[in-house]
Amino acid sequence: MVSIFLKCFSTFLMLIWVLPAHGQFRVPDTQFDAGLEEAESYPTRSLLGKFNIKLNELAIGPYTGTWQNRKSSRRGGFLMRNNRKTSTAITLESEQHGVWAMFCSGELKGFDFGGVSFDSENEFDYQCVMEQDADRVIMRVLPYKKPKFYVGQPQEDRQVEISNNDGLIMEGESIHALEGTRRTTTKPAGYHIWKDDELIGGTGRRDKNQLILANAPTDSENHIVFMVGLGLHFFTHNDLTRE
């Protein structure tokens, strides 16, 4: 018995020693479109805090401020009804763009019974409202298409709507392809952000880092892309469908 344990343990040590050299343990990066190769990047590693009511400091590139994360989940009833809510309050400040207040929230309502889920139809799954005085930008993550009745998790092909009170329209779409592999992800591996037919930003993983990417033609649009990327980061990190 001891010899079997030692043999298994030694094999495990050999795997740890050998496989990293061939990149087997590396988490694949998001397969971004070539239009984001020269985009400005903003690492979001400092935002990976747990849900709590603590006020956290924000410092990313030229931006400072605070963020506060909340989550609640209620389960019960005859068919195991689920009500899950998440929200993040952000105060975002920069020398160039001043102070913006962001509030992002989402709610998932549905039923779980024996591993089979019946989800209700929502107008949107997540919304971020970003305000500075009379200026307002709204981002909405729309529900992904799925059968009314399913077992397991289908691919979450997400669409994102972005607008402001001056008539600006942007849109986003989820990315599921990974670099260096043919495997696709069930949940989004990142997002592209478009204005008309021009790719102006995104979120995802590059060079082992989670990033917001901005490549808009104007500083004001780049700022909106950053705020949208911030909202998408918390939507992805908070993940309403995960307990």
Foldseek 3Di string as FASTA:
>chain_A
DVVVVVVVVVVVVVCVVPVVVVPPPPDFWFDDDPLQPPFDKWFDVLVLDDADQDWAWDDIDQKTWTKHKHKDWDFDDDQTKIKIKIKMWIWIAGPVPGTKTKIKMFIWTWGDHPQKTAGDADQFGMKMWIDDVQKIKIKTKHFADDDRIDHDAAAGWIKMWIAIPVGFTKIKTFTFDTPPDPDGDSYGQKMWIGGPNRTAWMWHDDPRTTITTGRDPDPVVSVVSVVVRVNVVCCVSVPRVDD
